[in-house]
């Protein structure tokens, strides 16, 4: 017997899916495509001295237009 899986919703249908066995190169490719889309829609990617790279997904409410425009590229975790 297999465990039930979550059915796609309108917000998740068609989005890239992160499988448990995803390879690092594929993981990076999916996120880079999303980040590129966000950047192309005006969301800045900045570096803060002494901190990791800051990206718009950290503060999605500051970049609603970019987040909405790129929603279909945002990878989702399968459960």
PDB file of N, CA and C in Angstrom:
ATOM      1  N   UNK A   1       0.843  -1.175   0.000  1.00  0.00           N
ATOM      2  CA  UNK A   1       0.000   0.000   0.000  1.00  0.00           C
ATOM      3  C   UNK A   1       0.890   1.240   0.000  1.00  0.00           C
ATOM      4  N   UNK A   2       0.572   2.199  -0.825  1.00  0.00           N
ATOM      5  CA  UNK A   2       1.356   3.431  -0.879  1.00  0.00           C
ATOM      6  C   UNK A   2       0.655   4.525  -0.096  1.00  0.00           C
ATOM      7  N   UNK A   3       1.459   5.455   0.366  1.00  0.00           N
ATOM      8  CA  UNK A   3       0.917   6.586   1.118  1.00  0.00           C
ATOM      9  C   UNK A   3       0.229   7.536   0.150  1.00  0.00           C
ATOM     10  N   UNK A   4      -0.848   8.162   0.573  1.00  0.00           N
ATOM     11  CA  UNK A   4      -1.511   9.128  -0.299  1.00  0.00           C
ATOM     12  C   UNK A   4      -0.610  10.330  -0.545  1.00  0.00           C
ATOM     13  N   UNK A   5      -0.712  10.910  -1.724  1.00  0.00           N
ATOM     14  CA  UNK A   5       0.054  12.107  -2.033  1.00  0.00           C
ATOM     15  C   UNK A   5      -0.896  13.286  -2.121  1.00  0.00           C
ATOM     16  N   UNK A   6      -0.351  14.442  -1.881  1.00  0.00           N
ATOM     17  CA  UNK A   6      -1.171  15.653  -1.936  1.00  0.00           C
ATOM     18  C   UNK A   6      -1.540  15.949  -3.386  1.00  0.00           C
ATOM     19  N   UNK A   7      -2.760  16.311  -3.615  1.00  0.00           N
ATOM     20  CA  UNK A   7      -3.214  16.669  -4.952  1.00  0.00           C
ATOM     21  C   UNK A   7      -2.792  18.096  -5.252  1.00  0.00           C
ATOM     22  N   UNK A   8      -2.438  18.380  -6.511  1.00  0.00           N
ATOM     23  CA  UNK A   8      -2.059  19.757  -6.837  1.00  0.00           C
ATOM     24  C   UNK A   8      -3.231  20.707  -6.668  1.00  0.00           C
ATOM     25  N   UNK A   9      -2.918  21.893  -6.264  1.00  0.00           N
ATOM     26  CA  UNK A   9      -3.920  22.949  -6.150  1.00  0.00           C
ATOM     27  C   UNK A   9      -3.670  23.938  -7.279  1.00  0.00           C
ATOM     28  N   UNK A  10      -4.509  24.923  -7.400  1.00  0.00           N
ATOM     29  CA  UNK A  10      -4.328  25.939  -8.435  1.00  0.00           C
ATOM     30  C   UNK A  10      -2.986  26.646  -8.265  1.00  0.00           C
ATOM     31  N   UNK A  11      -2.521  26.782  -7.032  1.00  0.00           N
ATOM     32  CA  UNK A  11      -1.252  27.471  -6.766  1.00  0.00           C
ATOM     33  C   UNK A  11      -0.044  26.600  -7.039  1.00  0.00           C
ATOM     34  N   UNK A  12      -0.183  25.270  -7.001  1.00  0.00           N
ATOM     35  CA  UNK A  12       0.976  24.402  -7.172  1.00  0.00           C
ATOM     36  C   UNK A  12       0.995  23.656  -8.499  1.00  0.00           C
ATOM     37  N   UNK A  13      -0.111  23.604  -9.203  1.00  0.00           N
ATOM     38  CA  UNK A  13      -0.173  22.859 -10.460  1.00  0.00           C
ATOM     39  C   UNK A  13       0.819  23.440 -11.467  1.00  0.00           C
ATOM     40  N   UNK A  14       1.620  22.579 -12.051  1.00  0.00           N
ATOM     41  CA  UNK A  14       2.560  22.980 -13.073  1.00  0.00           C
ATOM     42  C   UNK A  14       3.888  23.523 -12.564  1.00  0.00           C
ATOM     43  N   UNK A  15       4.015  23.734 -11.256  1.00  0.00           N
ATOM     44  CA  UNK A  15       5.271  24.241 -10.707  1.00  0.00           C
ATOM     45  C   UNK A  15       6.307  23.134 -10.653  1.00  0.00           C
ATOM     46  N   UNK A  16       7.600  23.482 -10.736  1.00  0.00           N
ATOM     47  CA  UNK A  16       8.658  22.470 -10.607  1.00  0.00           C
ATOM     48  C   UNK A  16       8.573  21.789  -9.243  1.00  0.00           C
ATOM     49  N   UNK A  17       8.784  20.495  -9.230  1.00  0.00           N
ATOM     50  CA  UNK A  17       8.664  19.731  -7.995  1.00  0.00           C
ATOM     51  C   UNK A  17      10.026  19.201  -7.555  1.00  0.00           C
ATOM     52  N   UNK A  18      10.330  19.371  -6.275  1.00  0.00           N
ATOM     53  CA  UNK A  18      11.569  18.878  -5.701  1.00  0.00           C
ATOM     54  C   UNK A  18      11.309  17.490  -5.121  1.00  0.00           C
ATOM     55  N   UNK A  19      11.858  16.493  -5.776  1.00  0.00           N
ATOM     56  CA  UNK A  19      11.695  15.118  -5.299  1.00  0.00           C
ATOM     57  C   UNK A  19      12.701  14.830  -4.182  1.00  0.00           C
ATOM     58  N   UNK A  20      12.439  13.823  -3.400  1.00  0.00           N
ATOM     59  CA  UNK A  20      13.360  13.462  -2.326  1.00  0.00           C
ATOM     60  C   UNK A  20      14.717  13.032  -2.861  1.00  0.00           C
ATOM     61  N   UNK A  21      14.741  12.453  -4.059  1.00  0.00           N
ATOM     62  CA  UNK A  21      15.990  11.952  -4.627  1.00  0.00           C
ATOM     63  C   UNK A  21      16.589  12.905  -5.668  1.00  0.00           C
ATOM     64  N   UNK A  22      16.251  14.178  -5.592  1.00  0.00           N
ATOM     65  CA  UNK A  22      16.725  15.143  -6.582  1.00  0.00           C
ATOM     66  C   UNK A  22      18.243  15.293  -6.486  1.00  0.00           C
ATOM     67  N   UNK A  23      18.881  15.411  -7.635  1.00  0.00           N
ATOM     68  CA  UNK A  23      20.323  15.626  -7.686  1.00  0.00           C
ATOM     69  C   UNK A  23      20.615  17.105  -7.456  1.00  0.00           C
ATOM     70  N   UNK A  24      21.776  17.393  -6.930  1.00  0.00           N
ATOM     71  CA  UNK A  24      22.139  18.776  -6.611  1.00  0.00           C
ATOM     72  C   UNK A  24      22.095  19.680  -7.845  1.00  0.00           C
ATOM     73  N   UNK A  25      22.563  19.196  -8.975  1.00  0.00           N
ATOM     74  CA  UNK A  25      22.561  20.012 -10.192  1.00  0.00           C
ATOM     75  C   UNK A  25      21.134  20.374 -10.610  1.00  0.00           C
ATOM     76  N   UNK A  26      20.212  19.432 -10.508  1.00  0.00           N
ATOM     77  CA  UNK A  26      18.816  19.695 -10.856  1.00  0.00           C
ATOM     78  C   UNK A  26      18.195  20.677  -9.871  1.00  0.00           C
ATOM     79  N   UNK A  27      18.483  20.502  -8.589  1.00  0.00           N
ATOM     80  CA  UNK A  27      18.007  21.405  -7.541  1.00  0.00           C
ATOM     81  C   UNK A  27      18.460  22.838  -7.856  1.00  0.00           C
ATOM     82  N   UNK A  28      19.747  22.989  -8.141  1.00  0.00           N
ATOM     83  CA  UNK A  28      20.283  24.316  -8.440  1.00  0.00           C
ATOM     84  C   UNK A  28      19.661  24.896  -9.701  1.00  0.00           C
ATOM     85  N   UNK A  29      19.462  24.089 -10.729  1.00  0.00           N
ATOM     86  CA  UNK A  29      18.870  24.556 -11.976  1.00  0.00           C
ATOM     87  C   UNK A  29      17.458  25.101 -11.754  1.00  0.00           C
ATOM     88  N   UNK A  30      16.656  24.373 -10.967  1.00  0.00           N
ATOM     89  CA  UNK A  30      15.281  24.806 -10.705  1.00  0.00           C
ATOM     90  C   UNK A  30      15.245  26.132  -9.939  1.00  0.00           C
ATOM     91  N   UNK A  31      16.078  26.249  -8.919  1.00  0.00           N
ATOM     92  CA  UNK A  31      16.080  27.480  -8.137  1.00  0.00           C
ATOM     93  C   UNK A  31      16.681  28.644  -8.907  1.00  0.00           C
ATOM     94  N   UNK A  32      17.711  28.398  -9.713  1.00  0.00           N
ATOM     95  CA  UNK A  32      18.296  29.475 -10.499  1.00  0.00           C
ATOM     96  C   UNK A  32      17.291  30.036 -11.500  1.00  0.00           C
ATOM     97  N   UNK A  33      16.466  29.182 -12.081  1.00  0.00           N
ATOM     98  CA  UNK A  33      15.430  29.653 -13.016  1.00  0.00           C
ATOM     99  C   UNK A  33      14.433  30.555 -12.291  1.00  0.00           C
ATOM    100  N   UNK A  34      14.039  30.167 -11.079  1.00  0.00           N
ATOM    101  CA  UNK A  34      13.112  30.983 -10.291  1.00  0.00           C
ATOM    102  C   UNK A  34      13.758  32.314  -9.904  1.00  0.00           C
ATOM    103  N   UNK A  35      15.010  32.251  -9.418  1.00  0.00           N
ATOM    104  CA  UNK A  35      15.708  33.470  -9.020  1.00  0.00           C
ATOM    105  C   UNK A  35      15.896  34.418 -10.200  1.00  0.00           C
ATOM    106  N   UNK A  36      16.231  33.877 -11.359  1.00  0.00           N
ATOM    107  CA  UNK A  36      16.404  34.692 -12.561  1.00  0.00           C
ATOM    108  C   UNK A  36      15.098  35.404 -12.911  1.00  0.00           C
ATOM    109  N   UNK A  37      13.985  34.694 -12.806  1.00  0.00           N
ATOM    110  CA  UNK A  37      12.676  35.284 -13.067  1.00  0.00           C
ATOM    111  C   UNK A  37      12.403  36.422 -12.084  1.00  0.00           C
ATOM    112  N   UNK A  38      12.649  36.198 -10.809  1.00  0.00           N
ATOM    113  CA  UNK A  38      12.426  37.235  -9.795  1.00  0.00           C
ATOM    114  C   UNK A  38      13.264  38.468 -10.104  1.00  0.00           C
ATOM    115  N   UNK A  39      14.526  38.245 -10.417  1.00  0.00           N
ATOM    116  CA  UNK A  39      15.426  39.355 -10.730  1.00  0.00           C
ATOM    117  C   UNK A  39      14.937  40.106 -11.974  1.00  0.00           C
ATOM    118  N   UNK A  40      14.477  39.364 -12.989  1.00  0.00           N
ATOM    119  CA  UNK A  40      13.986  39.993 -14.222  1.00  0.00           C
ATOM    120  C   UNK A  40      12.699  40.790 -14.006  1.00  0.00           C
ATOM    121  N   UNK A  41      12.005  40.515 -12.907  1.00  0.00           N
ATOM    122  CA  UNK A  41      10.771  41.245 -12.593  1.00  0.00           C
ATOM    123  C   UNK A  41      10.977  42.270 -11.476  1.00  0.00           C
ATOM    124  N   UNK A  42      12.228  42.675 -11.271  1.00  0.00           N
ATOM    125  CA  UNK A  42      12.515  43.800 -10.390  1.00  0.00           C
ATOM    126  C   UNK A  42      12.855  43.496  -8.955  1.00  0.00           C
ATOM    127  N   UNK A  43      12.925  42.235  -8.566  1.00  0.00           N
ATOM    128  CA  UNK A  43      13.284  41.914  -7.183  1.00  0.00           C
ATOM    129  C   UNK A  43      14.816  41.869  -7.084  1.00  0.00           C
ATOM    130  N   UNK A  44      15.408  42.656  -6.190  1.00  0.00           N
ATOM    131  CA  UNK A  44      16.867  42.701  -6.092  1.00  0.00           C
ATOM    132  C   UNK A  44      17.443  41.501  -5.350  1.00  0.00           C
ATOM    133  N   UNK A  45      18.642  41.145  -5.719  1.00  0.00           N
ATOM    134  CA  UNK A  45      19.405  40.139  -4.987  1.00  0.00           C
ATOM    135  C   UNK A  45      20.645  40.854  -4.479  1.00  0.00           C
ATOM    136  N   UNK A  46      20.738  41.051  -3.192  1.00  0.00           N
ATOM    137  CA  UNK A  46      21.832  41.817  -2.606  1.00  0.00           C
ATOM    138  C   UNK A  46      22.653  40.963  -1.671  1.00  0.00           C
ATOM    139  N   UNK A  47      23.887  41.366  -1.496  1.00  0.00           N
ATOM    140  CA  UNK A  47      24.730  40.743  -0.486  1.00  0.00           C
ATOM    141  C   UNK A  47      24.901  41.732   0.658  1.00  0.00           C
ATOM    142  N   UNK A  48      24.753  41.222   1.850  1.00  0.00           N
ATOM    143  CA  UNK A  48      24.961  42.037   3.041  1.00  0.00           C
ATOM    144  C   UNK A  48      26.302  41.603   3.623  1.00  0.00           C
ATOM    145  N   UNK A  49      27.208  42.544   3.922  1.00  0.00           N
ATOM    146  CA  UNK A  49      28.506  42.157   4.483  1.00  0.00           C
ATOM    147  C   UNK A  49      28.348  41.224   5.680  1.00  0.00           C
ATOM    148  N   UNK A  50      29.042  40.110   5.629  1.00  0.00           N
ATOM    149  CA  UNK A  50      29.014  39.153   6.728  1.00  0.00           C
ATOM    150  C   UNK A  50      27.795  38.252   6.740  1.00  0.00           C
ATOM    151  N   UNK A  51      26.948  38.345   5.728  1.00  0.00           N
ATOM    152  CA  UNK A  51      25.735  37.522   5.692  1.00  0.00           C
ATOM    153  C   UNK A  51      25.690  36.728   4.391  1.00  0.00           C
ATOM    154  N   UNK A  52      24.820  35.768   4.378  1.00  0.00           N
ATOM    155  CA  UNK A  52      24.595  35.007   3.158  1.00  0.00           C
ATOM    156  C   UNK A  52      23.847  35.881   2.163  1.00  0.00           C
ATOM    157  N   UNK A  53      23.755  35.407   0.940  1.00  0.00           N
ATOM    158  CA  UNK A  53      23.010  36.146  -0.085  1.00  0.00           C
ATOM    159  C   UNK A  53      21.566  36.318   0.370  1.00  0.00           C
ATOM    160  N   UNK A  54      21.051  37.501   0.183  1.00  0.00           N
ATOM    161  CA  UNK A  54      19.665  37.814   0.523  1.00  0.00           C
ATOM    162  C   UNK A  54      18.855  37.745  -0.759  1.00  0.00           C
ATOM    163  N   UNK A  55      17.738  37.053  -0.721  1.00  0.00           N
ATOM    164  CA  UNK A  55      16.903  36.998  -1.918  1.00  0.00           C
ATOM    165  C   UNK A  55      15.464  37.336  -1.565  1.00  0.00           C
ATOM    166  N   UNK A  56      14.681  37.736  -2.575  1.00  0.00           N
ATOM    167  CA  UNK A  56      13.324  38.225  -2.343  1.00  0.00           C
ATOM    168  C   UNK A  56      12.405  37.232  -1.634  1.00  0.00           C
ATOM    169  N   UNK A  57      12.645  35.947  -1.765  1.00  0.00           N
ATOM    170  CA  UNK A  57      11.774  34.971  -1.107  1.00  0.00           C
ATOM    171  C   UNK A  57      11.837  35.105   0.409  1.00  0.00           C
ATOM    172  N   UNK A  58      12.903  35.720   0.916  1.00  0.00           N
ATOM    173  CA  UNK A  58      13.014  35.951   2.358  1.00  0.00           C
ATOM    174  C   UNK A  58      11.951  36.937   2.822  1.00  0.00           C
ATOM    175  N   UNK A  59      11.634  37.907   1.967  1.00  0.00           N
ATOM    176  CA  UNK A  59      10.647  38.934   2.286  1.00  0.00           C
ATOM    177  C   UNK A  59       9.673  39.085   1.113  1.00  0.00           C
ATOM    178  N   UNK A  60       8.838  38.075   0.864  1.00  0.00           N
ATOM    179  CA  UNK A  60       7.974  38.115  -0.320  1.00  0.00           C
ATOM    180  C   UNK A  60       6.995  39.285  -0.338  1.00  0.00           C
ATOM    181  N   UNK A  61       6.607  39.787   0.810  1.00  0.00           N
ATOM    182  CA  UNK A  61       5.646  40.893   0.832  1.00  0.00           C
ATOM    183  C   UNK A  61       6.242  42.193   0.291  1.00  0.00           C
ATOM    184  N   UNK A  62       7.580  42.278   0.214  1.00  0.00           N
ATOM    185  CA  UNK A  62       8.214  43.472  -0.324  1.00  0.00           C
ATOM    186  C   UNK A  62       8.233  43.474  -1.850  1.00  0.00           C
ATOM    187  N   UNK A  63       8.031  42.313  -2.465  1.00  0.00           N
ATOM    188  CA  UNK A  63       8.126  42.177  -3.922  1.00  0.00           C
ATOM    189  C   UNK A  63       6.928  41.403  -4.473  1.00  0.00           C
ATOM    190  N   UNK A  64       5.709  41.849  -4.203  1.00  0.00           N
ATOM    191  CA  UNK A  64       4.538  41.061  -4.602  1.00  0.00           C
ATOM    192  C   UNK A  64       4.402  40.870  -6.107  1.00  0.00           C
ATOM    193  N   UNK A  65       4.777  41.887  -6.900  1.00  0.00           N
ATOM    194  CA  UNK A  65       4.646  41.747  -8.352  1.00  0.00           C
ATOM    195  C   UNK A  65       5.600  40.683  -8.888  1.00  0.00           C
ATOM    196  N   UNK A  66       6.826  40.691  -8.421  1.00  0.00           N
ATOM    197  CA  UNK A  66       7.801  39.688  -8.863  1.00  0.00           C
ATOM    198  C   UNK A  66       7.390  38.296  -8.390  1.00  0.00           C
ATOM    199  N   UNK A  67       6.937  38.191  -7.151  1.00  0.00           N
ATOM    200  CA  UNK A  67       6.531  36.882  -6.626  1.00  0.00           C
ATOM    201  C   UNK A  67       5.352  36.332  -7.421  1.00  0.00           C
ATOM    202  N   UNK A  68       4.397  37.176  -7.767  1.00  0.00           N
ATOM    203  CA  UNK A  68       3.229  36.746  -8.533  1.00  0.00           C
ATOM    204  C   UNK A  68       3.634  36.343  -9.951  1.00  0.00           C
ATOM    205  N   UNK A  69       4.485  37.159 -10.576  1.00  0.00           N
ATOM    206  CA  UNK A  69       4.908  36.881 -11.946  1.00  0.00           C
ATOM    207  C   UNK A  69       5.687  35.575 -12.050  1.00  0.00           C
ATOM    208  N   UNK A  70       6.401  35.205 -10.996  1.00  0.00           N
ATOM    209  CA  UNK A  70       7.275  34.029 -11.031  1.00  0.00           C
ATOM    210  C   UNK A  70       6.733  32.851 -10.239  1.00  0.00           C
ATOM    211  N   UNK A  71       5.505  32.946  -9.800  1.00  0.00           N
ATOM    212  CA  UNK A  71       4.911  31.900  -8.975  1.00  0.00           C
ATOM    213  C   UNK A  71       5.002  30.520  -9.639  1.00  0.00           C
ATOM    214  N   UNK A  72       4.811  30.471 -10.946  1.00  0.00           N
ATOM    215  CA  UNK A  72       4.840  29.195 -11.657  1.00  0.00           C
ATOM    216  C   UNK A  72       6.210  28.567 -11.765  1.00  0.00           C
ATOM    217  N   UNK A  73       7.251  29.313 -11.442  1.00  0.00           N
ATOM    218  CA  UNK A  73       8.620  28.789 -11.492  1.00  0.00           C
ATOM    219  C   UNK A  73       9.147  28.413 -10.112  1.00  0.00           C
ATOM    220  N   UNK A  74       8.427  28.793  -9.060  1.00  0.00           N
ATOM    221  CA  UNK A  74       8.900  28.510  -7.702  1.00  0.00           C
ATOM    222  C   UNK A  74       8.815  27.020  -7.423  1.00  0.00           C
ATOM    223  N   UNK A  75       9.953  26.375  -7.138  1.00  0.00           N
ATOM    224  CA  UNK A  75       9.926  24.946  -6.838  1.00  0.00           C
ATOM    225  C   UNK A  75       9.140  24.649  -5.563  1.00  0.00           C
ATOM    226  N   UNK A  76       8.455  23.511  -5.581  1.00  0.00           N
ATOM    227  CA  UNK A  76       7.702  23.067  -4.403  1.00  0.00           C
ATOM    228  C   UNK A  76       8.245  21.721  -3.949  1.00  0.00           C
ATOM    229  N   UNK A  77       8.150  21.481  -2.659  1.00  0.00           N
ATOM    230  CA  UNK A  77       8.581  20.212  -2.082  1.00  0.00           C
ATOM    231  C   UNK A  77       7.423  19.231  -2.136  1.00  0.00           C
ATOM    232  N   UNK A  78       7.713  18.043  -2.591  1.00  0.00           N
ATOM    233  CA  UNK A  78       6.692  16.994  -2.558  1.00  0.00           C
ATOM    234  C   UNK A  78       6.674  16.403  -1.168  1.00  0.00           C
ATOM    235  N   UNK A  79       5.506  16.075  -0.692  1.00  0.00           N
ATOM    236  CA  UNK A  79       5.423  15.469   0.646  1.00  0.00           C
ATOM    237  C   UNK A  79       4.936  14.056   0.552  1.00  0.00           C
TER     238      UNK A  79
END
